[in-house]
C-alpha atoms as a PDB file:
ATOM      1  CA  UNK A   1       0.000   0.000   0.000  1.00  0.00           C
ATOM      2  CA  UNK A   2       1.323   3.441  -0.907  1.00  0.00           C
ATOM      3  CA  UNK A   3       2.202   5.757   1.962  1.00  0.00           C
ATOM      4  CA  UNK A   4       1.472   9.422   2.526  1.00  0.00           C
ATOM      5  CA  UNK A   5       4.484  11.658   2.696  1.00  0.00           C
ATOM      6  CA  UNK A   6       3.911  14.168   5.493  1.00  0.00           C
ATOM      7  CA  UNK A   7       6.575  16.481   4.083  1.00  0.00           C
ATOM      8  CA  UNK A   8       4.929  16.649   0.659  1.00  0.00           C
ATOM      9  CA  UNK A   9       1.389  16.710   2.044  1.00  0.00           C
ATOM     10  CA  UNK A  10       1.690  20.352   3.165  1.00  0.00           C
ATOM     11  CA  UNK A  11      -0.228  22.396   0.517  1.00  0.00           C
ATOM     12  CA  UNK A  12       2.560  24.696  -0.693  1.00  0.00           C
ATOM     13  CA  UNK A  13       5.092  21.849  -0.846  1.00  0.00           C
ATOM     14  CA  UNK A  14       2.554  19.691  -2.665  1.00  0.00           C
ATOM     15  CA  UNK A  15       2.125  22.473  -5.227  1.00  0.00           C
ATOM     16  CA  UNK A  16       5.905  22.921  -5.543  1.00  0.00           C
ATOM     17  CA  UNK A  17       6.380  19.233  -6.245  1.00  0.00           C
ATOM     18  CA  UNK A  18       3.431  19.178  -8.661  1.00  0.00           C
ATOM     19  CA  UNK A  19       4.977  22.005 -10.684  1.00  0.00           C
ATOM     20  CA  UNK A  20       8.382  20.320 -10.692  1.00  0.00           C
ATOM     21  CA  UNK A  21       6.837  17.025 -11.788  1.00  0.00           C
ATOM     22  CA  UNK A  22       5.543  18.694 -14.947  1.00  0.00           C
ATOM     23  CA  UNK A  23       9.173  19.237 -15.991  1.00  0.00           C
ATOM     24  CA  UNK A  24      11.294  16.444 -17.386  1.00  0.00           C
ATOM     25  CA  UNK A  25      14.123  15.175 -15.203  1.00  0.00           C
ATOM     26  CA  UNK A  26      16.706  17.326 -17.006  1.00  0.00           C
ATOM     27  CA  UNK A  27      14.801  20.611 -16.699  1.00  0.00           C
ATOM     28  CA  UNK A  28      14.853  23.089 -13.836  1.00  0.00           C
ATOM     29  CA  UNK A  29      12.806  26.191 -13.073  1.00  0.00           C
ATOM     30  CA  UNK A  30      14.014  29.513 -11.752  1.00  0.00           C
ATOM     31  CA  UNK A  31      13.088  30.578  -8.253  1.00  0.00           C
ATOM     32  CA  UNK A  32      11.270  33.640  -9.602  1.00  0.00           C
ATOM     33  CA  UNK A  33       9.281  31.625 -12.152  1.00  0.00           C
ATOM     34  CA  UNK A  34       8.258  29.096  -9.496  1.00  0.00           C
ATOM     35  CA  UNK A  35       7.324  31.918  -7.121  1.00  0.00           C
ATOM     36  CA  UNK A  36       5.132  33.485  -9.825  1.00  0.00           C
ATOM     37  CA  UNK A  37       3.410  30.196 -10.681  1.00  0.00           C
ATOM     38  CA  UNK A  38       2.642  29.468  -7.024  1.00  0.00           C
ATOM     39  CA  UNK A  39       1.853  33.079  -6.086  1.00  0.00           C
ATOM     40  CA  UNK A  40       3.847  32.899  -2.844  1.00  0.00           C
ATOM     41  CA  UNK A  41       6.388  35.206  -1.223  1.00  0.00           C
ATOM     42  CA  UNK A  42      10.159  34.809  -1.427  1.00  0.00           C
ATOM     43  CA  UNK A  43      10.362  33.827   2.230  1.00  0.00           C
ATOM     44  CA  UNK A  44       7.510  31.352   2.032  1.00  0.00           C
ATOM     45  CA  UNK A  45       8.935  29.630  -1.046  1.00  0.00           C
ATOM     46  CA  UNK A  46      12.468  29.679   0.370  1.00  0.00           C
ATOM     47  CA  UNK A  47      11.366  28.030   3.613  1.00  0.00           C
ATOM     48  CA  UNK A  48       9.489  25.250   1.847  1.00  0.00           C
ATOM     49  CA  UNK A  49      12.331  24.671  -0.613  1.00  0.00           C
ATOM     50  CA  UNK A  50      14.738  24.391   2.313  1.00  0.00           C
ATOM     51  CA  UNK A  51      12.650  21.570   3.811  1.00  0.00           C
ATOM     52  CA  UNK A  52      12.348  19.789   0.465  1.00  0.00           C
ATOM     53  CA  UNK A  53      16.074  20.188  -0.187  1.00  0.00           C
ATOM     54  CA  UNK A  54      16.934  18.865   3.287  1.00  0.00           C
ATOM     55  CA  UNK A  55      14.920  15.720   2.461  1.00  0.00           C
ATOM     56  CA  UNK A  56      16.755  15.571  -0.897  1.00  0.00           C
ATOM     57  CA  UNK A  57      13.471  15.884  -2.804  1.00  0.00           C
ATOM     58  CA  UNK A  58      14.670  18.914  -4.738  1.00  0.00           C
ATOM     59  CA  UNK A  59      17.983  20.182  -5.986  1.00  0.00           C
ATOM     60  CA  UNK A  60      18.571  23.895  -5.513  1.00  0.00           C
ATOM     61  CA  UNK A  61      21.373  25.305  -7.640  1.00  0.00           C
ATOM     62  CA  UNK A  62      22.659  28.842  -7.229  1.00  0.00           C
ATOM     63  CA  UNK A  63      24.736  30.663  -9.790  1.00  0.00           C
ATOM     64  CA  UNK A  64      25.506  34.131 -11.088  1.00  0.00           C
ATOM     65  CA  UNK A  65      24.342  35.385 -14.457  1.00  0.00           C
ATOM     66  CA  UNK A  66      25.479  38.855 -15.497  1.00  0.00           C
ATOM     67  CA  UNK A  67      26.617  39.440 -11.912  1.00  0.00           C
ATOM     68  CA  UNK A  68      23.139  38.676 -10.539  1.00  0.00           C
ATOM     69  CA  UNK A  69      22.404  35.686  -8.318  1.00  0.00           C
ATOM     70  CA  UNK A  70      20.079  33.125  -9.852  1.00  0.00           C
ATOM     71  CA  UNK A  71      18.484  30.120  -8.185  1.00  0.00           C
ATOM     72  CA  UNK A  72      17.167  27.105 -10.075  1.00  0.00           C
ATOM     73  CA  UNK A  73      15.130  24.221  -8.718  1.00  0.00           C
ATOM     74  CA  UNK A  74      14.561  20.686  -9.999  1.00  0.00           C
ATOM     75  CA  UNK A  75      12.989  17.560  -8.552  1.00  0.00           C
ATOM     76  CA  UNK A  76      15.464  14.811  -7.700  1.00  0.00           C
ATOM     77  CA  UNK A  77      14.800  11.139  -8.506  1.00  0.00           C
ATOM     78  CA  UNK A  78      14.105  10.628  -4.791  1.00  0.00           C
ATOM     79  CA  UNK A  79      11.610  13.528  -4.826  1.00  0.00           C
ATOM     80  CA  UNK A  80       9.915  12.170  -7.936  1.00  0.00           C
ATOM     81  CA  UNK A  81       9.493   8.772  -6.293  1.00  0.00           C
ATOM     82  CA  UNK A  82       8.168  10.303  -3.060  1.00  0.00           C
ATOM     83  CA  UNK A  83       5.675  12.435  -4.984  1.00  0.00           C
ATOM     84  CA  UNK A  84       4.496   9.451  -7.058  1.00  0.00           C
ATOM     85  CA  UNK A  85       3.967   7.391  -3.903  1.00  0.00           C
ATOM     86  CA  UNK A  86       2.081  10.229  -2.218  1.00  0.00           C
ATOM     87  CA  UNK A  87      -0.223  10.581  -5.224  1.00  0.00           C
ATOM     88  CA  UNK A  88      -0.710   6.803  -5.299  1.00  0.00           C
ATOM     89  CA  UNK A  89      -1.798   6.925  -1.636  1.00  0.00           C
ATOM     90  CA  UNK A  90      -4.333   9.633  -2.471  1.00  0.00           C
ATOM     91  CA  UNK A  91      -5.621   7.592  -5.412  1.00  0.00           C
ATOM     92  CA  UNK A  92      -6.025   4.531  -3.171  1.00  0.00           C
ATOM     93  CA  UNK A  93      -8.226   6.553  -0.846  1.00  0.00           C
ATOM     94  CA  UNK A  94     -10.338   7.765  -3.739  1.00  0.00           C
ATOM     95  CA  UNK A  95     -10.704   4.267  -5.179  1.00  0.00           C
ATOM     96  CA  UNK A  96     -11.562   2.751  -1.801  1.00  0.00           C
ATOM     97  CA  UNK A  97     -14.185   5.334  -0.987  1.00  0.00           C
ATOM     98  CA  UNK A  98     -17.613   3.810  -0.773  1.00  0.00           C
ATOM     99  CA  UNK A  99     -20.200   5.909  -2.533  1.00  0.00           C
ATOM    100  CA  UNK A 100     -22.547   7.365   0.017  1.00  0.00           C
ATOM    101  CA  UNK A 101     -26.148   6.303  -0.249  1.00  0.00           C
ATOM    102  CA  UNK A 102     -28.312   9.359  -0.614  1.00  0.00           C
ATOM    103  CA  UNK A 103     -30.335   9.926   2.499  1.00  0.00           C
ATOM    104  CA  UNK A 104     -33.952  10.882   2.019  1.00  0.00           C
ATOM    105  CA  UNK A 105     -34.825  14.182   3.625  1.00  0.00           C
ATOM    106  CA  UNK A 106     -36.813  13.856   6.825  1.00  0.00           C
ATOM    107  CA  UNK A 107     -40.551  13.886   6.318  1.00  0.00           C
ATOM    108  CA  UNK A 108     -42.076  17.281   6.800  1.00  0.00           C
ATOM    109  CA  UNK A 109     -45.268  17.675   8.667  1.00  0.00           C
ATOM    110  CA  UNK A 110     -47.971  19.420   6.819  1.00  0.00           C
ATOM    111  CA  UNK A 111     -48.736  22.705   8.495  1.00  0.00           C
ATOM    112  CA  UNK A 112     -52.375  23.620   8.600  1.00  0.00           C
ATOM    113  CA  UNK A 113     -53.803  26.841   9.850  1.00  0.00           C
ATOM    114  CA  UNK A 114     -55.623  26.504  13.158  1.00  0.00           C
ATOM    115  CA  UNK A 115     -59.316  25.811  12.882  1.00  0.00           C
ATOM    116  CA  UNK A 116     -61.411  28.591  14.304  1.00  0.00           C
ATOM    117  CA  UNK A 117     -64.997  27.893  15.501  1.00  0.00           C
END
């Protein structure tokens, strides 16, 4: 049975990994492009990337281009496997879900105006 990955399960990290999974294994995305796609702040993205990098789910490469620092991010093979397993765990839940039987609404009592003599 596939297992949830608590690190990936956090919404922003799940979105980060989902974006990275759309890229082939040889492609990376710039920090600014990823920030724009996710609509998060520098600090928020940096903190989540730090956690993913610590787990070796992403590779963060820093370089200088025209004397300006640039940061690029890519999913590692380990991160790709963890993401795939997390998605498989979600799919297992969806497949195992028993359709709920619709419940009939409670009967309503007919309201009649009071009878006056």
